[in-house]
């Protein structure tokens, strides 16, 4: 099932084109990476989804229908621009956000306390917001968004200000959401998180959709024709390999000759007596793909 579709969205601010005929789908039950450099159009896309601004043309469909205001109760949004009511207590702020999504007072309080436990912050329930550290405040904001269990949630740089332990904690919560069939759009510049968490990505640059697809497929599409090989002893030369680099004893990175299928390379090496323990494509990291796509657009 497709839970969200952007269909030929365009948006201009004066002479600046923020979105230029952008179309892609977000399947249900995935962690979806929304990528792009600063000013690429990601925030505009999210704000159109959340009905904060209107597109000049195109359509947003959620839950199989044209997006309506009442759909927003089933959506969650953590914007990049953070904001909590600093003179209120944590529990009161969280209950308020829960009430905005239709929860009654008792249910909002129960869920807020449960989420503070999940995020290892039960002690801060009665604290004023201005007493929280930056990391604590970030986790409270994440909890405030997720406590209503939104079917579709947009998180814009959710791990900003968190230490590695709490980054892992938040990642585990997103994986748990996925296991329960919930969908999360993760807008981030942290490409390692994209590789770890995301099922699918869309990369926007200068308002246009540049890359879209499953993470592994995107990495294969943009990878150089190389393979990693772990072998016992030296590798024999074969015509299907253009160059070979040994990074450490027995571990090789092979650049394949033009048009040489990896399977033919493996067959040729084994037929020449190579004893191979590991043979796999060298997938490009998402950071390299990001830099390549964005860099080519500036040439």
C-alpha atoms as a PDB file:
ATOM      1  CA  UNK A   1       0.000   0.000   0.000  1.00  0.00           C
ATOM      2  CA  UNK A   2       1.144   3.535  -0.808  1.00  0.00           C
ATOM      3  CA  UNK A   3       0.470   5.711   2.228  1.00  0.00           C
ATOM      4  CA  UNK A   4       1.666   9.001   0.688  1.00  0.00           C
ATOM      5  CA  UNK A   5       1.983  10.281  -2.878  1.00  0.00           C
ATOM      6  CA  UNK A   6       3.381  13.563  -4.119  1.00  0.00           C
ATOM      7  CA  UNK A   7       1.977  14.079  -7.612  1.00  0.00           C
ATOM      8  CA  UNK A   8       3.667  16.727  -9.800  1.00  0.00           C
ATOM      9  CA  UNK A   9       4.141  19.263  -7.002  1.00  0.00           C
ATOM     10  CA  UNK A  10       5.499  22.687  -7.913  1.00  0.00           C
ATOM     11  CA  UNK A  11       6.031  25.738  -5.732  1.00  0.00           C
ATOM     12  CA  UNK A  12       7.634  29.103  -6.408  1.00  0.00           C
ATOM     13  CA  UNK A  13       8.537  31.967  -4.081  1.00  0.00           C
ATOM     14  CA  UNK A  14       8.751  34.968  -6.385  1.00  0.00           C
ATOM     15  CA  UNK A  15      11.517  34.154  -8.859  1.00  0.00           C
ATOM     16  CA  UNK A  16      12.772  31.181  -6.836  1.00  0.00           C
ATOM     17  CA  UNK A  17      11.571  27.687  -7.722  1.00  0.00           C
ATOM     18  CA  UNK A  18      11.367  25.652  -4.509  1.00  0.00           C
ATOM     19  CA  UNK A  19       9.771  22.557  -6.081  1.00  0.00           C
ATOM     20  CA  UNK A  20       9.762  21.695  -9.761  1.00  0.00           C
ATOM     21  CA  UNK A  21       7.254  18.983 -10.757  1.00  0.00           C
ATOM     22  CA  UNK A  22       8.164  16.587  -7.911  1.00  0.00           C
ATOM     23  CA  UNK A  23       6.468  13.165  -7.869  1.00  0.00           C
ATOM     24  CA  UNK A  24       7.186  10.108  -5.730  1.00  0.00           C
ATOM     25  CA  UNK A  25       5.449   7.596  -3.461  1.00  0.00           C
ATOM     26  CA  UNK A  26       6.065   6.537   0.145  1.00  0.00           C
ATOM     27  CA  UNK A  27       4.974   2.930   0.839  1.00  0.00           C
ATOM     28  CA  UNK A  28       3.271   2.077   4.093  1.00  0.00           C
ATOM     29  CA  UNK A  29       5.321   0.626   6.951  1.00  0.00           C
ATOM     30  CA  UNK A  30       8.724   1.931   5.865  1.00  0.00           C
ATOM     31  CA  UNK A  31      11.354   4.290   7.177  1.00  0.00           C
ATOM     32  CA  UNK A  32      11.751   6.665   4.247  1.00  0.00           C
ATOM     33  CA  UNK A  33      14.775   8.932   3.864  1.00  0.00           C
ATOM     34  CA  UNK A  34      14.147  12.441   2.522  1.00  0.00           C
ATOM     35  CA  UNK A  35      17.532  13.808   1.483  1.00  0.00           C
ATOM     36  CA  UNK A  36      18.965  16.932  -0.047  1.00  0.00           C
ATOM     37  CA  UNK A  37      21.303  19.862   0.653  1.00  0.00           C
ATOM     38  CA  UNK A  38      20.150  22.964   2.484  1.00  0.00           C
ATOM     39  CA  UNK A  39      17.696  24.906   0.351  1.00  0.00           C
ATOM     40  CA  UNK A  40      16.882  21.911  -1.855  1.00  0.00           C
ATOM     41  CA  UNK A  41      13.117  22.073  -1.248  1.00  0.00           C
ATOM     42  CA  UNK A  42      12.687  19.419   1.466  1.00  0.00           C
ATOM     43  CA  UNK A  43      11.122  21.784   3.995  1.00  0.00           C
ATOM     44  CA  UNK A  44       8.751  23.168   1.366  1.00  0.00           C
ATOM     45  CA  UNK A  45       7.656  19.625   0.506  1.00  0.00           C
ATOM     46  CA  UNK A  46       7.040  18.788   4.175  1.00  0.00           C
ATOM     47  CA  UNK A  47       5.133  22.022   4.795  1.00  0.00           C
ATOM     48  CA  UNK A  48       2.873  21.310   1.835  1.00  0.00           C
ATOM     49  CA  UNK A  49       2.200  17.834   3.230  1.00  0.00           C
ATOM     50  CA  UNK A  50       1.313  19.319   6.627  1.00  0.00           C
ATOM     51  CA  UNK A  51      -0.907  22.003   5.004  1.00  0.00           C
ATOM     52  CA  UNK A  52       1.251  24.817   6.357  1.00  0.00           C
ATOM     53  CA  UNK A  53       1.669  26.199   2.832  1.00  0.00           C
ATOM     54  CA  UNK A  54      -0.073  25.369  -0.448  1.00  0.00           C
ATOM     55  CA  UNK A  55       1.528  24.110  -3.636  1.00  0.00           C
ATOM     56  CA  UNK A  56       1.118  26.160  -6.814  1.00  0.00           C
ATOM     57  CA  UNK A  57       0.210  22.973  -8.660  1.00  0.00           C
ATOM     58  CA  UNK A  58       0.063  19.238  -8.090  1.00  0.00           C
ATOM     59  CA  UNK A  59      -1.605  17.054  -5.490  1.00  0.00           C
ATOM     60  CA  UNK A  60      -0.788  15.342  -2.186  1.00  0.00           C
ATOM     61  CA  UNK A  61      -2.529  12.036  -1.477  1.00  0.00           C
ATOM     62  CA  UNK A  62      -2.471  10.345   1.940  1.00  0.00           C
ATOM     63  CA  UNK A  63      -4.127   7.088   2.982  1.00  0.00           C
ATOM     64  CA  UNK A  64      -5.320   6.680  -0.612  1.00  0.00           C
ATOM     65  CA  UNK A  65      -7.198   9.996  -0.681  1.00  0.00           C
ATOM     66  CA  UNK A  66      -6.546  13.590  -1.589  1.00  0.00           C
ATOM     67  CA  UNK A  67      -5.093  15.170   1.557  1.00  0.00           C
ATOM     68  CA  UNK A  68      -7.683  16.898   3.738  1.00  0.00           C
ATOM     69  CA  UNK A  69      -7.324  18.875   6.958  1.00  0.00           C
ATOM     70  CA  UNK A  70      -8.809  16.048   9.033  1.00  0.00           C
ATOM     71  CA  UNK A  71      -6.013  13.729   7.852  1.00  0.00           C
ATOM     72  CA  UNK A  72      -3.599  15.782   9.955  1.00  0.00           C
ATOM     73  CA  UNK A  73      -4.842  14.064  13.128  1.00  0.00           C
ATOM     74  CA  UNK A  74      -3.255  10.868  11.759  1.00  0.00           C
ATOM     75  CA  UNK A  75       0.052  12.589  10.940  1.00  0.00           C
ATOM     76  CA  UNK A  76       2.925  13.606  13.206  1.00  0.00           C
ATOM     77  CA  UNK A  77       5.551  16.258  12.540  1.00  0.00           C
ATOM     78  CA  UNK A  78       8.779  17.191  14.265  1.00  0.00           C
ATOM     79  CA  UNK A  79       9.996  20.355  12.495  1.00  0.00           C
ATOM     80  CA  UNK A  80      13.610  21.370  12.294  1.00  0.00           C
ATOM     81  CA  UNK A  81      12.711  24.584  14.119  1.00  0.00           C
ATOM     82  CA  UNK A  82      12.196  23.319  17.666  1.00  0.00           C
ATOM     83  CA  UNK A  83       9.834  24.889  20.170  1.00  0.00           C
ATOM     84  CA  UNK A  84       8.498  23.942  23.598  1.00  0.00           C
ATOM     85  CA  UNK A  85       6.668  26.087  26.130  1.00  0.00           C
ATOM     86  CA  UNK A  86       9.583  26.732  28.450  1.00  0.00           C
ATOM     87  CA  UNK A  87       7.622  27.759  31.561  1.00  0.00           C
ATOM     88  CA  UNK A  88       5.332  24.725  31.477  1.00  0.00           C
ATOM     89  CA  UNK A  89       6.068  21.309  32.953  1.00  0.00           C
ATOM     90  CA  UNK A  90       7.112  18.455  30.701  1.00  0.00           C
ATOM     91  CA  UNK A  91       3.983  16.409  31.414  1.00  0.00           C
ATOM     92  CA  UNK A  92       1.666  19.373  30.741  1.00  0.00           C
ATOM     93  CA  UNK A  93       3.367  20.126  27.411  1.00  0.00           C
ATOM     94  CA  UNK A  94       3.211  16.489  26.327  1.00  0.00           C
ATOM     95  CA  UNK A  95      -0.449  16.206  27.330  1.00  0.00           C
ATOM     96  CA  UNK A  96      -1.216  19.376  25.369  1.00  0.00           C
ATOM     97  CA  UNK A  97       0.376  17.938  22.214  1.00  0.00           C
ATOM     98  CA  UNK A  98      -1.549  14.722  22.761  1.00  0.00           C
ATOM     99  CA  UNK A  99      -4.822  16.654  23.062  1.00  0.00           C
ATOM    100  CA  UNK A 100      -4.132  18.331  19.706  1.00  0.00           C
ATOM    101  CA  UNK A 101      -4.274  14.841  18.170  1.00  0.00           C
ATOM    102  CA  UNK A 102      -7.596  13.995  19.802  1.00  0.00           C
ATOM    103  CA  UNK A 103      -6.460  12.186  22.959  1.00  0.00           C
ATOM    104  CA  UNK A 104      -8.475  12.738  26.129  1.00  0.00           C
ATOM    105  CA  UNK A 105      -6.661  14.022  29.203  1.00  0.00           C
ATOM    106  CA  UNK A 106      -6.295  10.651  30.948  1.00  0.00           C
ATOM    107  CA  UNK A 107      -5.022   8.865  27.823  1.00  0.00           C
ATOM    108  CA  UNK A 108      -2.631  11.703  26.985  1.00  0.00           C
ATOM    109  CA  UNK A 109      -1.173  11.596  30.520  1.00  0.00           C
ATOM    110  CA  UNK A 110      -0.801   7.813  30.473  1.00  0.00           C
ATOM    111  CA  UNK A 111       0.931   7.844  27.087  1.00  0.00           C
ATOM    112  CA  UNK A 112       3.181  10.745  28.055  1.00  0.00           C
ATOM    113  CA  UNK A 113       4.436   8.882  31.123  1.00  0.00           C
ATOM    114  CA  UNK A 114       4.952   5.720  29.074  1.00  0.00           C
ATOM    115  CA  UNK A 115       7.017   7.620  26.510  1.00  0.00           C
ATOM    116  CA  UNK A 116       9.139   9.281  29.166  1.00  0.00           C
ATOM    117  CA  UNK A 117       9.921   5.770  30.445  1.00  0.00           C
ATOM    118  CA  UNK A 118      10.808   4.615  26.916  1.00  0.00           C
ATOM    119  CA  UNK A 119      13.160   7.550  26.509  1.00  0.00           C
ATOM    120  CA  UNK A 120      14.704   7.013  29.952  1.00  0.00           C
ATOM    121  CA  UNK A 121      13.387  10.333  31.297  1.00  0.00           C
ATOM    122  CA  UNK A 122      10.731   9.434  33.887  1.00  0.00           C
ATOM    123  CA  UNK A 123      12.282  11.816  36.411  1.00  0.00           C
ATOM    124  CA  UNK A 124      11.615  14.949  34.316  1.00  0.00           C
ATOM    125  CA  UNK A 125       7.800  14.682  34.154  1.00  0.00           C
ATOM    126  CA  UNK A 126       7.271  17.512  36.651  1.00  0.00           C
ATOM    127  CA  UNK A 127      10.259  19.622  35.577  1.00  0.00           C
ATOM    128  CA  UNK A 128       9.784  22.923  33.816  1.00  0.00           C
ATOM    129  CA  UNK A 129      10.922  22.727  30.189  1.00  0.00           C
ATOM    130  CA  UNK A 130      13.617  25.368  30.730  1.00  0.00           C
ATOM    131  CA  UNK A 131      15.350  23.034  33.187  1.00  0.00           C
ATOM    132  CA  UNK A 132      16.018  20.412  30.512  1.00  0.00           C
ATOM    133  CA  UNK A 133      19.349  19.989  28.775  1.00  0.00           C
ATOM    134  CA  UNK A 134      19.372  20.268  24.971  1.00  0.00           C
ATOM    135  CA  UNK A 135      19.379  16.492  24.585  1.00  0.00           C
ATOM    136  CA  UNK A 136      16.588  16.026  27.110  1.00  0.00           C
ATOM    137  CA  UNK A 137      14.508  18.661  25.364  1.00  0.00           C
ATOM    138  CA  UNK A 138      15.035  16.941  22.040  1.00  0.00           C
ATOM    139  CA  UNK A 139      13.839  13.618  23.431  1.00  0.00           C
ATOM    140  CA  UNK A 140      10.780  15.276  25.013  1.00  0.00           C
ATOM    141  CA  UNK A 141       9.875  16.788  21.632  1.00  0.00           C
ATOM    142  CA  UNK A 142      10.249  13.418  19.907  1.00  0.00           C
ATOM    143  CA  UNK A 143       8.040  11.820  22.567  1.00  0.00           C
ATOM    144  CA  UNK A 144       5.462  14.590  22.176  1.00  0.00           C
ATOM    145  CA  UNK A 145       5.194  13.785  18.465  1.00  0.00           C
ATOM    146  CA  UNK A 146       5.112  10.001  18.798  1.00  0.00           C
ATOM    147  CA  UNK A 147       2.835   9.582  21.821  1.00  0.00           C
ATOM    148  CA  UNK A 148      -0.287   9.805  19.613  1.00  0.00           C
ATOM    149  CA  UNK A 149       1.080   6.889  17.547  1.00  0.00           C
ATOM    150  CA  UNK A 150       0.721   8.683  14.187  1.00  0.00           C
ATOM    151  CA  UNK A 151       0.256   6.437  11.164  1.00  0.00           C
ATOM    152  CA  UNK A 152       2.606   8.675   9.180  1.00  0.00           C
ATOM    153  CA  UNK A 153       5.246  10.775  10.903  1.00  0.00           C
ATOM    154  CA  UNK A 154       7.770  13.275   9.531  1.00  0.00           C
ATOM    155  CA  UNK A 155      10.896  13.773  11.645  1.00  0.00           C
ATOM    156  CA  UNK A 156      13.247  16.544  10.541  1.00  0.00           C
ATOM    157  CA  UNK A 157      16.766  15.887  11.904  1.00  0.00           C
ATOM    158  CA  UNK A 158      15.434  14.130  15.028  1.00  0.00           C
ATOM    159  CA  UNK A 159      18.848  13.203  16.462  1.00  0.00           C
ATOM    160  CA  UNK A 160      20.234  16.746  16.564  1.00  0.00           C
ATOM    161  CA  UNK A 161      21.822  17.361  19.967  1.00  0.00           C
ATOM    162  CA  UNK A 162      21.790  13.701  21.016  1.00  0.00           C
ATOM    163  CA  UNK A 163      24.807  11.683  22.114  1.00  0.00           C
ATOM    164  CA  UNK A 164      25.510   8.294  20.448  1.00  0.00           C
ATOM    165  CA  UNK A 165      23.647   6.352  23.142  1.00  0.00           C
ATOM    166  CA  UNK A 166      20.496   8.387  22.646  1.00  0.00           C
ATOM    167  CA  UNK A 167      20.865   8.350  18.859  1.00  0.00           C
ATOM    168  CA  UNK A 168      20.717   4.558  19.077  1.00  0.00           C
ATOM    169  CA  UNK A 169      17.712   4.789  21.412  1.00  0.00           C
ATOM    170  CA  UNK A 170      15.788   6.950  18.931  1.00  0.00           C
ATOM    171  CA  UNK A 171      16.778   4.676  16.036  1.00  0.00           C
ATOM    172  CA  UNK A 172      15.420   1.687  17.942  1.00  0.00           C
ATOM    173  CA  UNK A 173      12.110   3.521  18.441  1.00  0.00           C
ATOM    174  CA  UNK A 174      11.825   4.145  14.700  1.00  0.00           C
ATOM    175  CA  UNK A 175      12.549   0.488  13.984  1.00  0.00           C
ATOM    176  CA  UNK A 176       9.861  -0.433  16.516  1.00  0.00           C
ATOM    177  CA  UNK A 177       7.394   1.864  14.722  1.00  0.00           C
ATOM    178  CA  UNK A 178       8.173   0.100  11.460  1.00  0.00           C
ATOM    179  CA  UNK A 179       7.595  -3.312  13.055  1.00  0.00           C
ATOM    180  CA  UNK A 180       4.111  -2.083  14.030  1.00  0.00           C
ATOM    181  CA  UNK A 181       3.311  -1.014  10.467  1.00  0.00           C
ATOM    182  CA  UNK A 182       3.837   2.707  11.036  1.00  0.00           C
ATOM    183  CA  UNK A 183       5.560   4.911   8.452  1.00  0.00           C
ATOM    184  CA  UNK A 184       8.297   7.428   9.235  1.00  0.00           C
ATOM    185  CA  UNK A 185       9.788  10.014   6.888  1.00  0.00           C
ATOM    186  CA  UNK A 186      13.276  10.828   8.129  1.00  0.00           C
ATOM    187  CA  UNK A 187      14.676  14.099   6.807  1.00  0.00           C
ATOM    188  CA  UNK A 188      18.370  14.073   7.610  1.00  0.00           C
ATOM    189  CA  UNK A 189      21.904  14.877   6.490  1.00  0.00           C
ATOM    190  CA  UNK A 190      23.315  11.890   8.396  1.00  0.00           C
ATOM    191  CA  UNK A 191      23.951   9.397   5.608  1.00  0.00           C
ATOM    192  CA  UNK A 192      25.062   6.671   8.019  1.00  0.00           C
ATOM    193  CA  UNK A 193      21.578   6.768   9.554  1.00  0.00           C
ATOM    194  CA  UNK A 194      20.051   6.472   6.099  1.00  0.00           C
ATOM    195  CA  UNK A 195      22.050   3.308   5.398  1.00  0.00           C
ATOM    196  CA  UNK A 196      21.223   1.880   8.831  1.00  0.00           C
ATOM    197  CA  UNK A 197      17.513   2.701   8.996  1.00  0.00           C
ATOM    198  CA  UNK A 198      15.914   3.565   5.693  1.00  0.00           C
ATOM    199  CA  UNK A 199      14.143   1.216   3.315  1.00  0.00           C
ATOM    200  CA  UNK A 200      13.820   3.780   0.535  1.00  0.00           C
ATOM    201  CA  UNK A 201      15.065   7.299  -0.232  1.00  0.00           C
ATOM    202  CA  UNK A 202      14.256  10.364  -2.280  1.00  0.00           C
ATOM    203  CA  UNK A 203      16.986  12.934  -2.918  1.00  0.00           C
ATOM    204  CA  UNK A 204      15.896  16.428  -3.900  1.00  0.00           C
ATOM    205  CA  UNK A 205      18.222  19.106  -5.214  1.00  0.00           C
ATOM    206  CA  UNK A 206      17.306  22.563  -6.510  1.00  0.00           C
ATOM    207  CA  UNK A 207      13.653  21.651  -6.204  1.00  0.00           C
ATOM    208  CA  UNK A 208      13.871  18.578  -8.430  1.00  0.00           C
ATOM    209  CA  UNK A 209      13.754  14.884  -7.616  1.00  0.00           C
ATOM    210  CA  UNK A 210      17.208  13.506  -8.477  1.00  0.00           C
ATOM    211  CA  UNK A 211      17.252  10.025  -6.904  1.00  0.00           C
ATOM    212  CA  UNK A 212      14.448   7.708  -5.791  1.00  0.00           C
ATOM    213  CA  UNK A 213      14.366   4.027  -4.882  1.00  0.00           C
ATOM    214  CA  UNK A 214      15.189   1.346  -2.345  1.00  0.00           C
ATOM    215  CA  UNK A 215      18.440   2.090  -0.528  1.00  0.00           C
ATOM    216  CA  UNK A 216      20.298  -1.028  -1.685  1.00  0.00           C
ATOM    217  CA  UNK A 217      19.131  -0.546  -5.271  1.00  0.00           C
ATOM    218  CA  UNK A 218      20.218   3.114  -5.237  1.00  0.00           C
ATOM    219  CA  UNK A 219      23.624   2.127  -3.871  1.00  0.00           C
ATOM    220  CA  UNK A 220      24.041  -0.487  -6.597  1.00  0.00           C
ATOM    221  CA  UNK A 221      22.934   1.967  -9.288  1.00  0.00           C
ATOM    222  CA  UNK A 222      25.536   4.553  -8.302  1.00  0.00           C
ATOM    223  CA  UNK A 223      28.385   2.183  -7.416  1.00  0.00           C
ATOM    224  CA  UNK A 224      31.564   1.823  -9.442  1.00  0.00           C
ATOM    225  CA  UNK A 225      32.193  -1.599 -11.089  1.00  0.00           C
ATOM    226  CA  UNK A 226      34.152  -2.956  -8.115  1.00  0.00           C
ATOM    227  CA  UNK A 227      34.028  -5.991  -5.844  1.00  0.00           C
ATOM    228  CA  UNK A 228      35.499  -6.913  -2.477  1.00  0.00           C
ATOM    229  CA  UNK A 229      37.359 -10.217  -2.319  1.00  0.00           C
ATOM    230  CA  UNK A 230      38.806 -12.085   0.630  1.00  0.00           C
ATOM    231  CA  UNK A 231      41.146 -14.863  -0.464  1.00  0.00           C
ATOM    232  CA  UNK A 232      43.812 -17.233   0.793  1.00  0.00           C
ATOM    233  CA  UNK A 233      47.051 -16.309  -0.906  1.00  0.00           C
ATOM    234  CA  UNK A 234      47.607 -14.011  -3.887  1.00  0.00           C
ATOM    235  CA  UNK A 235      44.990 -13.454  -6.585  1.00  0.00           C
ATOM    236  CA  UNK A 236      45.942 -14.562 -10.097  1.00  0.00           C
ATOM    237  CA  UNK A 237      45.625 -11.966 -12.879  1.00  0.00           C
ATOM    238  CA  UNK A 238      42.539 -12.416 -15.034  1.00  0.00           C
ATOM    239  CA  UNK A 239      41.440 -10.299 -18.036  1.00  0.00           C
ATOM    240  CA  UNK A 240      38.101  -9.416 -16.391  1.00  0.00           C
ATOM    241  CA  UNK A 241      39.898  -7.354 -13.701  1.00  0.00           C
ATOM    242  CA  UNK A 242      41.276  -3.947 -14.659  1.00  0.00           C
ATOM    243  CA  UNK A 243      43.088  -3.314 -11.355  1.00  0.00           C
ATOM    244  CA  UNK A 244      43.477  -4.877  -7.928  1.00  0.00           C
ATOM    245  CA  UNK A 245      44.317  -3.216  -4.601  1.00  0.00           C
ATOM    246  CA  UNK A 246      45.104  -5.183  -1.455  1.00  0.00           C
ATOM    247  CA  UNK A 247      43.948  -3.187   1.565  1.00  0.00           C
ATOM    248  CA  UNK A 248      45.181  -5.738   4.084  1.00  0.00           C
ATOM    249  CA  UNK A 249      46.497  -9.280   3.921  1.00  0.00           C
ATOM    250  CA  UNK A 250      44.062 -11.338   1.893  1.00  0.00           C
ATOM    251  CA  UNK A 251      41.490  -8.548   1.364  1.00  0.00           C
ATOM    252  CA  UNK A 252      41.248  -7.063  -2.125  1.00  0.00           C
ATOM    253  CA  UNK A 253      39.276  -4.391  -3.945  1.00  0.00           C
ATOM    254  CA  UNK A 254      38.999  -5.217  -7.637  1.00  0.00           C
ATOM    255  CA  UNK A 255      38.029  -2.732 -10.353  1.00  0.00           C
ATOM    256  CA  UNK A 256      36.335  -4.723 -13.104  1.00  0.00           C
ATOM    257  CA  UNK A 257      37.090  -4.344 -16.781  1.00  0.00           C
ATOM    258  CA  UNK A 258      34.419  -2.600 -18.853  1.00  0.00           C
ATOM    259  CA  UNK A 259      31.370  -4.798 -19.184  1.00  0.00           C
ATOM    260  CA  UNK A 260      32.758  -7.665 -17.093  1.00  0.00           C
ATOM    261  CA  UNK A 261      29.960  -9.285 -15.028  1.00  0.00           C
ATOM    262  CA  UNK A 262      30.993 -10.003 -11.413  1.00  0.00           C
ATOM    263  CA  UNK A 263      29.966 -13.659 -11.817  1.00  0.00           C
ATOM    264  CA  UNK A 264      32.439 -14.063 -14.700  1.00  0.00           C
ATOM    265  CA  UNK A 265      35.182 -12.529 -12.561  1.00  0.00           C
ATOM    266  CA  UNK A 266      34.543 -15.014  -9.767  1.00  0.00           C
ATOM    267  CA  UNK A 267      34.516 -17.930 -12.201  1.00  0.00           C
ATOM    268  CA  UNK A 268      37.778 -16.779 -13.781  1.00  0.00           C
ATOM    269  CA  UNK A 269      39.528 -16.386 -10.417  1.00  0.00           C
ATOM    270  CA  UNK A 270      38.443 -19.797  -9.160  1.00  0.00           C
ATOM    271  CA  UNK A 271      39.424 -21.470 -12.431  1.00  0.00           C
ATOM    272  CA  UNK A 272      42.934 -19.997 -12.001  1.00  0.00           C
ATOM    273  CA  UNK A 273      43.223 -21.555  -8.548  1.00  0.00           C
ATOM    274  CA  UNK A 274      42.146 -18.722  -6.253  1.00  0.00           C
ATOM    275  CA  UNK A 275      40.717 -19.832  -2.888  1.00  0.00           C
ATOM    276  CA  UNK A 276      38.014 -17.265  -2.081  1.00  0.00           C
ATOM    277  CA  UNK A 277      36.128 -16.850   1.196  1.00  0.00           C
ATOM    278  CA  UNK A 278      34.221 -13.662   0.335  1.00  0.00           C
ATOM    279  CA  UNK A 279      33.148 -12.085  -2.935  1.00  0.00           C
ATOM    280  CA  UNK A 280      30.640  -9.231  -3.005  1.00  0.00           C
ATOM    281  CA  UNK A 281      29.930  -5.978  -4.857  1.00  0.00           C
ATOM    282  CA  UNK A 282      31.487  -2.840  -3.379  1.00  0.00           C
ATOM    283  CA  UNK A 283      28.391  -0.703  -2.828  1.00  0.00           C
ATOM    284  CA  UNK A 284      28.877   3.053  -2.821  1.00  0.00           C
ATOM    285  CA  UNK A 285      28.101   4.659   0.562  1.00  0.00           C
ATOM    286  CA  UNK A 286      25.123   7.002   0.557  1.00  0.00           C
ATOM    287  CA  UNK A 287      27.392   9.918   1.444  1.00  0.00           C
ATOM    288  CA  UNK A 288      29.349   9.440  -1.796  1.00  0.00           C
ATOM    289  CA  UNK A 289      26.110   9.248  -3.790  1.00  0.00           C
ATOM    290  CA  UNK A 290      24.797  12.405  -2.119  1.00  0.00           C
ATOM    291  CA  UNK A 291      27.995  14.312  -2.885  1.00  0.00           C
ATOM    292  CA  UNK A 292      28.163  13.029  -6.447  1.00  0.00           C
ATOM    293  CA  UNK A 293      24.556  13.876  -7.330  1.00  0.00           C
ATOM    294  CA  UNK A 294      24.629  17.285  -5.669  1.00  0.00           C
ATOM    295  CA  UNK A 295      28.095  18.035  -7.067  1.00  0.00           C
ATOM    296  CA  UNK A 296      27.106  17.148 -10.648  1.00  0.00           C
ATOM    297  CA  UNK A 297      24.101  19.465 -10.390  1.00  0.00           C
ATOM    298  CA  UNK A 298      26.461  22.383  -9.660  1.00  0.00           C
ATOM    299  CA  UNK A 299      28.747  21.727 -12.628  1.00  0.00           C
END
